[in-house]
Amino acid sequence: MHITFTETALARIDQLRGDTPGQLHLYYDTEGCGCGNSGIFSIRLVEGAADEDMTIDSNVGPVLVKRWSSHFLDQEMTLDYIPEKKSLILKSDGQYFNTNVLVTDQTGCQLTANR
């Protein structure tokens, strides 16, 4: 499994994270979605891997993901940024996983930028 971060996506993540530390985690959030099969992926900045985490390869180094949520992902994915919509988009050749990927801190609070 591999995820490619585009240059524009990396710039947006850096802008949003500011000085917030943490490793990138492709986090499958099911909060308020009803069940484990209904969720959305976000980028969460975490202190480190938990027991249920695994890593996937990327062009920026290892990215964490929960083992149980990895079956929702494709073998090759891209995280891109569309400036006109100010949206990070997680996609593969076959589908869109999320067209508005949020970047959050360790607690799940959304990180924002004024630009």
N, C-alpha and C. Protein backbone atom coordinates (compact mmCIF):
# COMPACT_ATOMS: atom_id res chain seq x y z
N MET A 1 0.84 -1.17 0.00
CA MET A 1 0.00 0.00 0.00
C MET A 1 0.90 1.24 0.00
N HIS A 2 0.50 2.24 -0.80
CA HIS A 2 1.32 3.44 -0.95
C HIS A 2 0.42 4.66 -1.16
N ILE A 3 0.80 5.76 -0.54
CA ILE A 3 0.09 7.03 -0.74
C ILE A 3 1.10 8.08 -1.20
N THR A 4 0.74 8.79 -2.26
CA THR A 4 1.57 9.86 -2.79
C THR A 4 0.95 11.19 -2.37
N PHE A 5 1.72 12.01 -1.69
CA PHE A 5 1.30 13.36 -1.32
C PHE A 5 1.81 14.30 -2.40
N THR A 6 0.93 15.06 -3.02
CA THR A 6 1.38 16.04 -4.01
C THR A 6 2.06 17.19 -3.29
N GLU A 7 2.84 17.97 -4.03
CA GLU A 7 3.53 19.12 -3.44
C GLU A 7 2.53 20.12 -2.85
N THR A 8 1.41 20.32 -3.57
CA THR A 8 0.41 21.27 -3.06
C THR A 8 -0.25 20.74 -1.79
N ALA A 9 -0.47 19.44 -1.69
CA ALA A 9 -1.04 18.86 -0.48
C ALA A 9 -0.08 19.01 0.69
N LEU A 10 1.20 18.74 0.45
CA LEU A 10 2.19 18.89 1.52
C LEU A 10 2.28 20.34 2.01
N ALA A 11 2.23 21.28 1.07
CA ALA A 11 2.27 22.70 1.45
C ALA A 11 1.06 23.06 2.29
N ARG A 12 -0.11 22.55 1.93
CA ARG A 12 -1.33 22.84 2.70
C ARG A 12 -1.26 22.22 4.10
N ILE A 13 -0.80 20.98 4.18
CA ILE A 13 -0.66 20.33 5.49
C ILE A 13 0.31 21.11 6.36
N ASP A 14 1.43 21.54 5.80
CA ASP A 14 2.40 22.34 6.56
C ASP A 14 1.79 23.65 7.03
N GLN A 15 1.00 24.27 6.17
CA GLN A 15 0.34 25.53 6.52
C GLN A 15 -0.65 25.31 7.67
N LEU A 16 -1.42 24.24 7.60
CA LEU A 16 -2.41 23.96 8.64
C LEU A 16 -1.77 23.54 9.95
N ARG A 17 -0.71 22.75 9.86
CA ARG A 17 -0.12 22.22 11.11
C ARG A 17 0.67 23.27 11.86
N GLY A 18 1.22 24.27 11.16
CA GLY A 18 1.99 25.30 11.84
C GLY A 18 3.09 24.65 12.67
N ASP A 19 3.07 24.89 13.97
CA ASP A 19 4.07 24.30 14.85
C ASP A 19 3.51 23.10 15.64
N THR A 20 2.36 22.56 15.19
CA THR A 20 1.78 21.39 15.85
C THR A 20 2.63 20.16 15.51
N PRO A 21 3.19 19.51 16.53
CA PRO A 21 4.04 18.35 16.26
C PRO A 21 3.20 17.12 15.95
N GLY A 22 3.86 16.10 15.43
CA GLY A 22 3.20 14.82 15.27
C GLY A 22 3.49 14.13 13.96
N GLN A 23 3.31 12.83 14.00
CA GLN A 23 3.47 11.99 12.82
C GLN A 23 2.13 11.92 12.09
N LEU A 24 2.19 11.83 10.76
CA LEU A 24 0.97 11.74 9.97
C LEU A 24 0.28 10.40 10.18
N HIS A 25 -1.01 10.47 10.45
CA HIS A 25 -1.84 9.28 10.63
C HIS A 25 -3.05 9.45 9.73
N LEU A 26 -3.25 8.52 8.81
CA LEU A 26 -4.44 8.51 7.97
C LEU A 26 -5.54 7.88 8.81
N TYR A 27 -6.29 8.73 9.47
CA TYR A 27 -7.20 8.32 10.54
C TYR A 27 -8.62 8.14 9.99
N TYR A 28 -9.19 6.98 10.26
CA TYR A 28 -10.56 6.69 9.83
C TYR A 28 -11.50 7.03 10.97
N ASP A 29 -12.24 8.11 10.80
CA ASP A 29 -13.10 8.63 11.86
C ASP A 29 -14.53 8.14 11.66
N THR A 30 -15.04 7.43 12.65
CA THR A 30 -16.42 6.94 12.60
C THR A 30 -17.32 7.66 13.58
N GLU A 31 -16.80 8.67 14.26
CA GLU A 31 -17.57 9.43 15.25
C GLU A 31 -18.83 10.00 14.62
N GLY A 32 -19.98 9.62 15.16
CA GLY A 32 -21.26 10.13 14.68
C GLY A 32 -21.71 9.54 13.35
N CYS A 33 -21.00 8.53 12.85
CA CYS A 33 -21.34 7.95 11.55
C CYS A 33 -22.26 6.74 11.66
N GLY A 34 -22.45 6.20 12.83
CA GLY A 34 -23.39 5.10 13.00
C GLY A 34 -22.75 3.74 13.14
N CYS A 35 -21.73 3.45 12.32
CA CYS A 35 -21.07 2.15 12.42
C CYS A 35 -19.67 2.25 11.83
N GLY A 36 -18.88 1.19 12.05
CA GLY A 36 -17.49 1.19 11.60
C GLY A 36 -17.31 1.19 10.09
N ASN A 37 -18.37 0.85 9.36
CA ASN A 37 -18.28 0.87 7.90
C ASN A 37 -18.66 2.22 7.31
N SER A 38 -19.08 3.14 8.15
CA SER A 38 -19.46 4.48 7.70
C SER A 38 -18.54 5.49 8.38
N GLY A 39 -17.53 5.90 7.69
CA GLY A 39 -16.59 6.86 8.26
C GLY A 39 -15.91 7.64 7.16
N ILE A 40 -15.04 8.54 7.59
CA ILE A 40 -14.26 9.33 6.64
C ILE A 40 -12.81 9.37 7.11
N PHE A 41 -11.92 9.47 6.15
CA PHE A 41 -10.50 9.58 6.46
C PHE A 41 -10.12 11.04 6.67
N SER A 42 -9.26 11.27 7.65
CA SER A 42 -8.68 12.58 7.89
C SER A 42 -7.18 12.37 8.12
N ILE A 43 -6.47 13.46 8.21
CA ILE A 43 -5.06 13.41 8.59
C ILE A 43 -4.97 13.87 10.03
N ARG A 44 -4.49 12.99 10.90
CA ARG A 44 -4.34 13.32 12.32
C ARG A 44 -2.85 13.34 12.64
N LEU A 45 -2.43 14.33 13.37
CA LEU A 45 -1.04 14.42 13.82
C LEU A 45 -0.95 13.77 15.20
N VAL A 46 -0.25 12.65 15.29
CA VAL A 46 -0.19 11.88 16.53
C VAL A 46 1.24 11.81 17.05
N GLU A 47 1.37 11.53 18.34
CA GLU A 47 2.69 11.43 18.97
C GLU A 47 3.46 10.22 18.48
N GLY A 48 2.77 9.15 18.18
CA GLY A 48 3.43 7.93 17.73
C GLY A 48 2.41 6.84 17.50
N ALA A 49 2.89 5.69 17.13
CA ALA A 49 2.02 4.57 16.80
C ALA A 49 1.42 3.95 18.06
N ALA A 50 0.17 3.54 17.95
CA ALA A 50 -0.49 2.76 18.98
C ALA A 50 -0.40 1.29 18.59
N ASP A 51 -0.76 0.40 19.50
CA ASP A 51 -0.67 -1.04 19.23
C ASP A 51 -1.45 -1.47 17.99
N GLU A 52 -2.60 -0.82 17.74
CA GLU A 52 -3.44 -1.23 16.61
C GLU A 52 -3.06 -0.55 15.29
N ASP A 53 -1.97 0.23 15.30
CA ASP A 53 -1.54 0.93 14.09
C ASP A 53 -0.56 0.10 13.28
N MET A 54 -0.55 0.37 11.99
CA MET A 54 0.45 -0.16 11.07
C MET A 54 0.90 1.02 10.22
N THR A 55 1.95 0.83 9.45
CA THR A 55 2.42 1.91 8.57
C THR A 55 2.18 1.54 7.13
N ILE A 56 1.92 2.57 6.33
CA ILE A 56 1.89 2.42 4.88
C ILE A 56 2.96 3.33 4.32
N ASP A 57 3.48 2.96 3.18
CA ASP A 57 4.54 3.74 2.55
C ASP A 57 3.97 4.99 1.89
N SER A 58 4.81 6.01 1.81
CA SER A 58 4.45 7.22 1.09
C SER A 58 5.72 7.89 0.59
N ASN A 59 5.55 8.90 -0.22
CA ASN A 59 6.69 9.65 -0.72
C ASN A 59 7.28 10.58 0.32
N VAL A 60 6.67 10.66 1.52
CA VAL A 60 7.20 11.49 2.61
C VAL A 60 7.56 10.64 3.83
N GLY A 61 7.64 9.34 3.65
CA GLY A 61 7.96 8.44 4.75
C GLY A 61 6.74 7.68 5.22
N PRO A 62 6.90 6.89 6.27
CA PRO A 62 5.79 6.07 6.73
C PRO A 62 4.63 6.91 7.27
N VAL A 63 3.42 6.46 6.95
CA VAL A 63 2.19 7.09 7.44
C VAL A 63 1.43 6.03 8.23
N LEU A 64 0.95 6.40 9.39
CA LEU A 64 0.22 5.46 10.23
C LEU A 64 -1.23 5.31 9.76
N VAL A 65 -1.78 4.12 10.00
CA VAL A 65 -3.19 3.83 9.75
C VAL A 65 -3.59 2.71 10.70
N LYS A 66 -4.83 2.71 11.17
CA LYS A 66 -5.31 1.62 12.00
C LYS A 66 -5.42 0.35 11.14
N ARG A 67 -4.93 -0.76 11.66
CA ARG A 67 -4.99 -2.02 10.90
C ARG A 67 -6.40 -2.32 10.42
N TRP A 68 -7.37 -2.14 11.29
CA TRP A 68 -8.75 -2.50 10.95
C TRP A 68 -9.34 -1.61 9.86
N SER A 69 -8.79 -0.40 9.68
CA SER A 69 -9.33 0.48 8.64
C SER A 69 -8.57 0.38 7.31
N SER A 70 -7.46 -0.35 7.30
CA SER A 70 -6.65 -0.42 6.08
C SER A 70 -7.38 -1.13 4.94
N HIS A 71 -8.34 -1.99 5.26
CA HIS A 71 -9.05 -2.69 4.18
C HIS A 71 -9.98 -1.77 3.39
N PHE A 72 -10.22 -0.55 3.88
CA PHE A 72 -11.01 0.43 3.14
C PHE A 72 -10.18 1.14 2.07
N LEU A 73 -8.86 0.98 2.12
CA LEU A 73 -7.95 1.71 1.24
C LEU A 73 -7.55 0.89 0.03
N ASP A 74 -7.09 1.57 -1.01
CA ASP A 74 -6.58 0.91 -2.22
C ASP A 74 -5.06 0.79 -2.13
N GLN A 75 -4.49 0.03 -3.03
CA GLN A 75 -3.04 -0.17 -3.03
C GLN A 75 -2.27 1.10 -3.37
N GLU A 76 -2.78 1.90 -4.29
CA GLU A 76 -2.13 3.15 -4.70
C GLU A 76 -3.12 4.29 -4.53
N MET A 77 -2.75 5.29 -3.73
CA MET A 77 -3.61 6.44 -3.47
C MET A 77 -2.83 7.73 -3.60
N THR A 78 -3.56 8.82 -3.72
CA THR A 78 -2.97 10.15 -3.81
C THR A 78 -3.71 11.08 -2.87
N LEU A 79 -2.97 11.91 -2.15
CA LEU A 79 -3.57 13.01 -1.40
C LEU A 79 -3.18 14.28 -2.14
N ASP A 80 -4.17 14.98 -2.65
CA ASP A 80 -3.96 16.17 -3.45
C ASP A 80 -4.65 17.35 -2.77
N TYR A 81 -4.35 18.55 -3.26
CA TYR A 81 -4.98 19.76 -2.74
C TYR A 81 -5.50 20.58 -3.90
N ILE A 82 -6.76 21.01 -3.78
CA ILE A 82 -7.39 21.86 -4.79
C ILE A 82 -7.54 23.26 -4.17
N PRO A 83 -6.65 24.20 -4.56
CA PRO A 83 -6.65 25.53 -3.93
C PRO A 83 -7.99 26.27 -4.06
N GLU A 84 -8.66 26.15 -5.19
CA GLU A 84 -9.92 26.86 -5.39
C GLU A 84 -10.98 26.46 -4.36
N LYS A 85 -10.93 25.23 -3.93
CA LYS A 85 -11.90 24.73 -2.95
C LYS A 85 -11.31 24.66 -1.54
N LYS A 86 -10.01 24.94 -1.44
CA LYS A 86 -9.28 24.80 -0.17
C LYS A 86 -9.53 23.42 0.44
N SER A 87 -9.45 22.40 -0.42
CA SER A 87 -9.76 21.04 -0.01
C SER A 87 -8.63 20.07 -0.31
N LEU A 88 -8.30 19.27 0.69
CA LEU A 88 -7.43 18.12 0.49
C LEU A 88 -8.32 16.97 0.03
N ILE A 89 -7.84 16.22 -0.96
CA ILE A 89 -8.64 15.14 -1.54
C ILE A 89 -7.84 13.85 -1.52
N LEU A 90 -8.41 12.83 -0.89
CA LEU A 90 -7.81 11.50 -0.89
C LEU A 90 -8.50 10.67 -1.95
N LYS A 91 -7.72 10.16 -2.91
CA LYS A 91 -8.31 9.45 -4.04
C LYS A 91 -7.38 8.35 -4.52
N SER A 92 -7.95 7.49 -5.37
CA SER A 92 -7.16 6.49 -6.09
C SER A 92 -7.66 6.52 -7.53
N ASP A 93 -7.14 5.65 -8.37
CA ASP A 93 -7.62 5.60 -9.75
C ASP A 93 -9.08 5.17 -9.81
N GLY A 94 -9.56 4.45 -8.80
CA GLY A 94 -10.91 3.91 -8.84
C GLY A 94 -11.96 4.65 -8.03
N GLN A 95 -11.54 5.54 -7.12
CA GLN A 95 -12.54 6.17 -6.26
C GLN A 95 -11.98 7.37 -5.52
N TYR A 96 -12.91 8.16 -4.98
CA TYR A 96 -12.58 9.22 -4.04
C TYR A 96 -12.92 8.69 -2.65
N PHE A 97 -11.97 8.78 -1.73
CA PHE A 97 -12.22 8.37 -0.36
C PHE A 97 -12.82 9.51 0.45
N ASN A 98 -12.31 10.72 0.22
CA ASN A 98 -12.81 11.91 0.89
C ASN A 98 -12.39 13.12 0.07
N THR A 99 -13.35 13.98 -0.25
CA THR A 99 -13.04 15.17 -1.05
C THR A 99 -12.84 16.41 -0.18
N ASN A 100 -12.83 16.22 1.13
CA ASN A 100 -12.56 17.32 2.05
C ASN A 100 -11.86 16.76 3.29
N VAL A 101 -10.62 16.33 3.12
CA VAL A 101 -9.85 15.72 4.20
C VAL A 101 -9.44 16.80 5.20
N LEU A 102 -9.84 16.62 6.44
CA LEU A 102 -9.47 17.55 7.50
C LEU A 102 -8.11 17.16 8.08
N VAL A 103 -7.40 18.15 8.59
CA VAL A 103 -6.15 17.92 9.31
C VAL A 103 -6.43 18.27 10.76
N THR A 104 -6.16 17.31 11.66
CA THR A 104 -6.48 17.50 13.07
C THR A 104 -5.27 17.25 13.95
N ASP A 105 -5.37 17.72 15.19
CA ASP A 105 -4.32 17.45 16.16
C ASP A 105 -4.58 16.09 16.82
N GLN A 106 -3.77 15.76 17.80
CA GLN A 106 -3.84 14.48 18.50
C GLN A 106 -5.23 14.19 19.07
N THR A 107 -5.95 15.23 19.49
CA THR A 107 -7.26 15.05 20.11
C THR A 107 -8.40 15.05 19.11
N GLY A 108 -8.09 15.29 17.84
CA GLY A 108 -9.14 15.32 16.82
C GLY A 108 -9.67 16.70 16.51
N CYS A 109 -9.09 17.74 17.13
CA CYS A 109 -9.52 19.12 16.85
C CYS A 109 -8.96 19.58 15.50
N GLN A 110 -9.82 20.13 14.68
CA GLN A 110 -9.42 20.57 13.34
C GLN A 110 -8.45 21.73 13.41
N LEU A 111 -7.40 21.63 12.59
CA LEU A 111 -6.42 22.70 12.47
C LEU A 111 -6.85 23.59 11.29
N THR A 112 -6.76 24.90 11.48
CA THR A 112 -7.19 25.82 10.43
C THR A 112 -6.10 26.85 10.15
N ALA A 113 -6.22 27.47 9.00
CA ALA A 113 -5.29 28.53 8.60
C ALA A 113 -6.13 29.70 8.10
N ASN A 114 -5.60 30.89 8.23
CA ASN A 114 -6.32 32.08 7.80
C ASN A 114 -6.13 32.39 6.32
N ARG A 115 -5.36 31.52 5.63
CA ARG A 115 -5.10 31.80 4.23
C ARG A 115 -5.83 30.85 3.35
